[in-house]
């Protein structure tokens, strides 16, 4: 059991590239967003910066994550604890609406 705990701790340590809130973490999150959103990547980074300051743990009531998606949107489009999962969910939400009208922040 201790070995499993050590492996899990090592995976979590290396899965997060930098300390939350650090410039390195923000750069990493922005690069993930750009990768997921492809041609809309720069717009998506601007929206995420406005919504959460590129913080995966940002929360405002029922809204949380990089893109501050609400509980009903997360139930439909997905969610997760890291930039990849949150960006993929936001991208699914974005392509469903074909633009940024769903977000308070605009690019």
N, C-alpha and C. Protein backbone atom coordinates (compact mmCIF):
# COMPACT_ATOMS: atom_id res chain seq x y z
N UNK A 1 0.82 -1.18 0.00
CA UNK A 1 0.00 0.00 0.00
C UNK A 1 0.87 1.26 0.00
N UNK A 2 1.98 1.21 0.76
CA UNK A 2 2.88 2.37 0.77
C UNK A 2 3.50 2.62 -0.60
N UNK A 3 3.78 1.54 -1.32
CA UNK A 3 4.37 1.67 -2.66
C UNK A 3 3.36 2.34 -3.59
N UNK A 4 2.11 1.91 -3.50
CA UNK A 4 1.07 2.51 -4.32
C UNK A 4 0.91 4.00 -4.00
N UNK A 5 0.95 4.34 -2.74
CA UNK A 5 0.87 5.74 -2.32
C UNK A 5 2.04 6.55 -2.84
N UNK A 6 3.23 5.97 -2.80
CA UNK A 6 4.42 6.66 -3.31
C UNK A 6 4.34 6.86 -4.82
N UNK A 7 3.83 5.86 -5.52
CA UNK A 7 3.68 5.98 -6.98
C UNK A 7 2.65 7.06 -7.31
N UNK A 8 1.54 7.06 -6.60
CA UNK A 8 0.51 8.07 -6.82
C UNK A 8 1.05 9.47 -6.54
N UNK A 9 1.77 9.62 -5.46
CA UNK A 9 2.36 10.92 -5.13
C UNK A 9 3.35 11.36 -6.22
N UNK A 10 4.15 10.46 -6.71
CA UNK A 10 5.11 10.79 -7.77
C UNK A 10 4.38 11.20 -9.05
N UNK A 11 3.31 10.50 -9.38
CA UNK A 11 2.54 10.85 -10.59
C UNK A 11 1.92 12.23 -10.44
N UNK A 12 1.35 12.52 -9.30
CA UNK A 12 0.75 13.84 -9.09
C UNK A 12 1.80 14.94 -9.09
N UNK A 13 2.96 14.65 -8.57
CA UNK A 13 4.04 15.63 -8.54
C UNK A 13 4.49 15.98 -9.95
N UNK A 14 4.65 14.97 -10.79
CA UNK A 14 5.14 15.21 -12.14
C UNK A 14 4.04 15.59 -13.11
N UNK A 15 2.77 15.36 -12.77
CA UNK A 15 1.66 15.73 -13.65
C UNK A 15 1.43 17.23 -13.64
N UNK A 16 1.78 17.89 -12.57
CA UNK A 16 1.63 19.34 -12.48
C UNK A 16 3.00 19.95 -12.68
N UNK A 17 3.21 20.67 -13.79
CA UNK A 17 4.55 21.10 -14.14
C UNK A 17 5.13 22.20 -13.26
N UNK A 18 4.33 22.93 -12.54
CA UNK A 18 4.85 24.01 -11.71
C UNK A 18 3.85 24.32 -10.61
N UNK A 19 4.25 25.14 -9.69
CA UNK A 19 3.38 25.54 -8.59
C UNK A 19 2.20 26.34 -9.12
N UNK A 20 1.02 26.02 -8.62
CA UNK A 20 -0.17 26.76 -9.03
C UNK A 20 0.03 28.25 -8.77
N UNK A 21 -0.37 29.05 -9.72
CA UNK A 21 -0.24 30.49 -9.59
C UNK A 21 1.07 31.05 -10.08
N UNK A 22 2.02 30.19 -10.40
CA UNK A 22 3.32 30.65 -10.84
C UNK A 22 3.28 31.02 -12.33
N UNK A 23 4.19 31.89 -12.77
CA UNK A 23 4.27 32.20 -14.20
C UNK A 23 4.48 30.95 -15.06
N UNK A 24 5.27 30.00 -14.56
CA UNK A 24 5.48 28.77 -15.32
C UNK A 24 4.17 27.99 -15.47
N UNK A 25 3.37 27.95 -14.42
CA UNK A 25 2.08 27.25 -14.49
C UNK A 25 1.14 27.96 -15.46
N UNK A 26 1.13 29.28 -15.42
CA UNK A 26 0.28 30.04 -16.35
C UNK A 26 0.71 29.81 -17.79
N UNK A 27 2.02 29.80 -18.04
CA UNK A 27 2.53 29.54 -19.39
C UNK A 27 2.15 28.13 -19.85
N UNK A 28 2.27 27.17 -18.96
CA UNK A 28 1.89 25.80 -19.29
C UNK A 28 0.41 25.72 -19.63
N UNK A 29 -0.44 26.31 -18.78
CA UNK A 29 -1.88 26.27 -19.02
C UNK A 29 -2.22 26.95 -20.35
N UNK A 30 -1.57 28.07 -20.65
CA UNK A 30 -1.81 28.77 -21.91
C UNK A 30 -1.40 27.89 -23.10
N UNK A 31 -0.30 27.17 -22.97
CA UNK A 31 0.14 26.32 -24.09
C UNK A 31 -0.83 25.15 -24.30
N UNK A 32 -1.36 24.62 -23.22
CA UNK A 32 -2.36 23.56 -23.33
C UNK A 32 -3.61 24.09 -24.02
N UNK A 33 -4.08 25.25 -23.60
CA UNK A 33 -5.27 25.86 -24.21
C UNK A 33 -5.04 26.08 -25.69
N UNK A 34 -3.90 26.63 -26.07
CA UNK A 34 -3.60 26.86 -27.49
C UNK A 34 -3.60 25.55 -28.28
N UNK A 35 -3.06 24.51 -27.69
CA UNK A 35 -3.02 23.21 -28.37
C UNK A 35 -4.44 22.68 -28.59
N UNK A 36 -5.27 22.73 -27.57
CA UNK A 36 -6.62 22.18 -27.66
C UNK A 36 -7.49 23.01 -28.61
N UNK A 37 -7.41 24.32 -28.53
CA UNK A 37 -8.27 25.19 -29.34
C UNK A 37 -7.72 25.48 -30.73
N UNK A 38 -6.51 25.03 -31.02
CA UNK A 38 -5.87 25.19 -32.32
C UNK A 38 -5.98 26.63 -32.85
N UNK A 39 -6.67 26.87 -33.94
CA UNK A 39 -6.76 28.19 -34.55
C UNK A 39 -7.44 29.25 -33.69
N UNK A 40 -8.16 28.82 -32.68
CA UNK A 40 -8.82 29.74 -31.75
C UNK A 40 -8.03 29.87 -30.44
N UNK A 41 -6.81 29.34 -30.43
CA UNK A 41 -6.03 29.26 -29.20
C UNK A 41 -5.76 30.59 -28.53
N UNK A 42 -5.35 31.60 -29.30
CA UNK A 42 -5.07 32.90 -28.68
C UNK A 42 -6.33 33.52 -28.11
N UNK A 43 -7.45 33.37 -28.81
CA UNK A 43 -8.72 33.86 -28.28
C UNK A 43 -9.07 33.13 -26.98
N UNK A 44 -8.90 31.83 -26.98
CA UNK A 44 -9.23 31.02 -25.81
C UNK A 44 -8.36 31.40 -24.61
N UNK A 45 -7.09 31.68 -24.84
CA UNK A 45 -6.21 32.10 -23.74
C UNK A 45 -6.70 33.43 -23.17
N UNK A 46 -7.10 34.36 -24.03
CA UNK A 46 -7.61 35.65 -23.53
C UNK A 46 -8.88 35.46 -22.70
N UNK A 47 -9.76 34.58 -23.15
CA UNK A 47 -10.99 34.30 -22.38
C UNK A 47 -10.64 33.66 -21.04
N UNK A 48 -9.76 32.66 -21.05
CA UNK A 48 -9.38 31.99 -19.80
C UNK A 48 -8.65 32.94 -18.85
N UNK A 49 -7.83 33.83 -19.39
CA UNK A 49 -7.14 34.81 -18.53
C UNK A 49 -8.17 35.70 -17.84
N UNK A 50 -9.14 36.17 -18.60
CA UNK A 50 -10.18 37.03 -18.03
C UNK A 50 -11.03 36.27 -17.01
N UNK A 51 -11.38 35.04 -17.33
CA UNK A 51 -12.26 34.26 -16.45
C UNK A 51 -11.58 33.79 -15.18
N UNK A 52 -10.31 33.35 -15.28
CA UNK A 52 -9.68 32.67 -14.13
C UNK A 52 -8.24 33.07 -13.86
N UNK A 53 -7.69 33.97 -14.66
CA UNK A 53 -6.25 34.29 -14.60
C UNK A 53 -5.41 33.04 -14.83
N UNK A 54 -5.95 32.14 -15.66
CA UNK A 54 -5.29 30.88 -16.05
C UNK A 54 -5.05 29.93 -14.88
N UNK A 55 -5.95 29.96 -13.92
CA UNK A 55 -5.86 29.09 -12.75
C UNK A 55 -6.87 27.95 -12.85
N UNK A 56 -6.40 26.71 -12.81
CA UNK A 56 -7.31 25.57 -12.88
C UNK A 56 -8.17 25.45 -11.63
N UNK A 57 -7.72 26.00 -10.51
CA UNK A 57 -8.46 25.89 -9.25
C UNK A 57 -9.33 27.12 -8.97
N UNK A 58 -9.42 28.06 -9.90
CA UNK A 58 -10.25 29.26 -9.70
C UNK A 58 -11.71 28.84 -9.51
N UNK A 59 -12.39 29.54 -8.59
CA UNK A 59 -13.79 29.22 -8.32
C UNK A 59 -14.55 30.49 -7.97
N UNK A 60 -15.77 30.57 -8.49
CA UNK A 60 -16.68 31.66 -8.19
C UNK A 60 -18.07 31.05 -8.09
N UNK A 61 -18.47 30.69 -6.89
CA UNK A 61 -19.75 30.01 -6.72
C UNK A 61 -19.72 28.66 -7.42
N UNK A 62 -20.71 28.42 -8.28
CA UNK A 62 -20.78 27.15 -9.01
C UNK A 62 -19.81 27.08 -10.18
N UNK A 63 -19.20 28.19 -10.53
CA UNK A 63 -18.30 28.26 -11.68
C UNK A 63 -16.86 27.99 -11.23
N UNK A 64 -16.18 27.12 -11.98
CA UNK A 64 -14.79 26.91 -11.61
C UNK A 64 -13.95 26.48 -12.80
N UNK A 65 -12.65 26.55 -12.57
CA UNK A 65 -11.69 26.13 -13.58
C UNK A 65 -11.21 27.26 -14.47
N UNK A 66 -10.40 26.90 -15.43
CA UNK A 66 -9.81 27.87 -16.36
C UNK A 66 -10.85 28.72 -17.05
N UNK A 67 -11.97 28.09 -17.43
CA UNK A 67 -12.99 28.79 -18.21
C UNK A 67 -14.24 29.08 -17.41
N UNK A 68 -14.20 28.85 -16.09
CA UNK A 68 -15.32 29.16 -15.21
C UNK A 68 -16.64 28.61 -15.74
N UNK A 69 -16.63 27.34 -16.07
CA UNK A 69 -17.85 26.69 -16.55
C UNK A 69 -18.73 26.33 -15.35
N UNK A 70 -20.04 26.51 -15.52
CA UNK A 70 -21.00 26.20 -14.48
C UNK A 70 -21.25 24.71 -14.34
N UNK A 71 -21.94 24.34 -13.29
CA UNK A 71 -22.17 22.92 -13.01
C UNK A 71 -22.96 22.23 -14.12
N UNK A 72 -23.95 22.88 -14.70
CA UNK A 72 -24.72 22.23 -15.77
C UNK A 72 -23.86 22.04 -17.02
N UNK A 73 -23.01 23.02 -17.34
CA UNK A 73 -22.12 22.90 -18.50
C UNK A 73 -21.09 21.80 -18.27
N UNK A 74 -20.55 21.73 -17.06
CA UNK A 74 -19.57 20.68 -16.75
C UNK A 74 -20.20 19.29 -16.86
N UNK A 75 -21.47 19.18 -16.46
CA UNK A 75 -22.16 17.89 -16.55
C UNK A 75 -22.33 17.46 -18.01
N UNK A 76 -22.51 18.41 -18.90
CA UNK A 76 -22.72 18.10 -20.32
C UNK A 76 -21.40 17.93 -21.07
N UNK A 77 -20.47 18.87 -20.87
CA UNK A 77 -19.27 18.93 -21.70
C UNK A 77 -18.02 18.35 -21.04
N UNK A 78 -18.10 18.05 -19.76
CA UNK A 78 -16.98 17.45 -19.07
C UNK A 78 -16.29 18.41 -18.13
N UNK A 79 -15.33 17.87 -17.40
CA UNK A 79 -14.62 18.64 -16.39
C UNK A 79 -13.36 17.85 -16.03
N UNK A 80 -12.55 18.42 -15.21
CA UNK A 80 -11.36 17.73 -14.75
C UNK A 80 -10.55 18.63 -13.84
N UNK A 81 -9.48 18.07 -13.31
CA UNK A 81 -8.66 18.80 -12.35
C UNK A 81 -7.44 19.44 -12.98
N UNK A 82 -7.24 19.25 -14.29
CA UNK A 82 -6.05 19.81 -14.91
C UNK A 82 -6.39 20.62 -16.16
N UNK A 83 -5.40 21.30 -16.70
CA UNK A 83 -5.60 22.17 -17.85
C UNK A 83 -6.08 21.40 -19.08
N UNK A 84 -5.61 20.19 -19.27
CA UNK A 84 -6.02 19.40 -20.43
C UNK A 84 -7.51 19.10 -20.38
N UNK A 85 -7.98 18.57 -19.28
CA UNK A 85 -9.40 18.19 -19.16
C UNK A 85 -10.30 19.42 -19.23
N UNK A 86 -9.91 20.49 -18.54
CA UNK A 86 -10.74 21.69 -18.56
C UNK A 86 -10.76 22.34 -19.93
N UNK A 87 -9.64 22.34 -20.63
CA UNK A 87 -9.58 22.92 -21.97
C UNK A 87 -10.40 22.11 -22.96
N UNK A 88 -10.33 20.80 -22.87
CA UNK A 88 -11.12 19.95 -23.77
C UNK A 88 -12.62 20.15 -23.54
N UNK A 89 -13.02 20.25 -22.28
CA UNK A 89 -14.43 20.49 -21.98
C UNK A 89 -14.87 21.84 -22.51
N UNK A 90 -14.06 22.86 -22.31
CA UNK A 90 -14.39 24.20 -22.80
C UNK A 90 -14.44 24.23 -24.32
N UNK A 91 -13.55 23.47 -24.97
CA UNK A 91 -13.57 23.41 -26.43
C UNK A 91 -14.86 22.76 -26.93
N UNK A 92 -15.28 21.69 -26.28
CA UNK A 92 -16.56 21.06 -26.67
C UNK A 92 -17.71 22.05 -26.52
N UNK A 93 -17.69 22.81 -25.44
CA UNK A 93 -18.72 23.84 -25.20
C UNK A 93 -18.62 24.93 -26.26
N UNK A 94 -17.42 25.35 -26.58
CA UNK A 94 -17.18 26.39 -27.59
C UNK A 94 -17.70 25.96 -28.97
N UNK A 95 -17.36 24.75 -29.40
CA UNK A 95 -17.78 24.34 -30.74
C UNK A 95 -19.28 24.09 -30.81
N UNK A 96 -19.90 23.77 -29.68
CA UNK A 96 -21.35 23.61 -29.66
C UNK A 96 -22.04 24.94 -29.98
N UNK A 97 -21.50 26.02 -29.43
CA UNK A 97 -22.09 27.34 -29.66
C UNK A 97 -21.48 28.08 -30.83
N UNK A 98 -20.36 27.58 -31.34
CA UNK A 98 -19.65 28.16 -32.49
C UNK A 98 -19.06 29.55 -32.23
N UNK A 99 -19.04 30.00 -30.99
CA UNK A 99 -18.42 31.30 -30.69
C UNK A 99 -18.28 31.44 -29.17
N UNK A 100 -17.99 32.66 -28.72
CA UNK A 100 -17.72 32.91 -27.30
C UNK A 100 -18.92 33.47 -26.56
N UNK A 101 -20.12 33.42 -27.14
CA UNK A 101 -21.27 34.06 -26.48
C UNK A 101 -21.60 33.43 -25.12
N UNK A 102 -21.18 32.20 -24.88
CA UNK A 102 -21.49 31.53 -23.61
C UNK A 102 -20.70 32.11 -22.44
N UNK A 103 -19.60 32.81 -22.69
CA UNK A 103 -18.75 33.32 -21.64
C UNK A 103 -18.98 34.80 -21.40
N UNK A 104 -18.82 35.22 -20.16
CA UNK A 104 -18.89 36.66 -19.83
C UNK A 104 -17.72 37.39 -20.47
N UNK A 105 -16.56 36.77 -20.43
CA UNK A 105 -15.36 37.37 -21.02
C UNK A 105 -15.30 37.03 -22.50
N UNK A 106 -14.90 38.00 -23.26
CA UNK A 106 -14.76 37.82 -24.72
C UNK A 106 -13.31 38.06 -25.11
N UNK A 107 -12.89 37.44 -26.22
CA UNK A 107 -11.50 37.64 -26.66
C UNK A 107 -11.28 39.05 -27.13
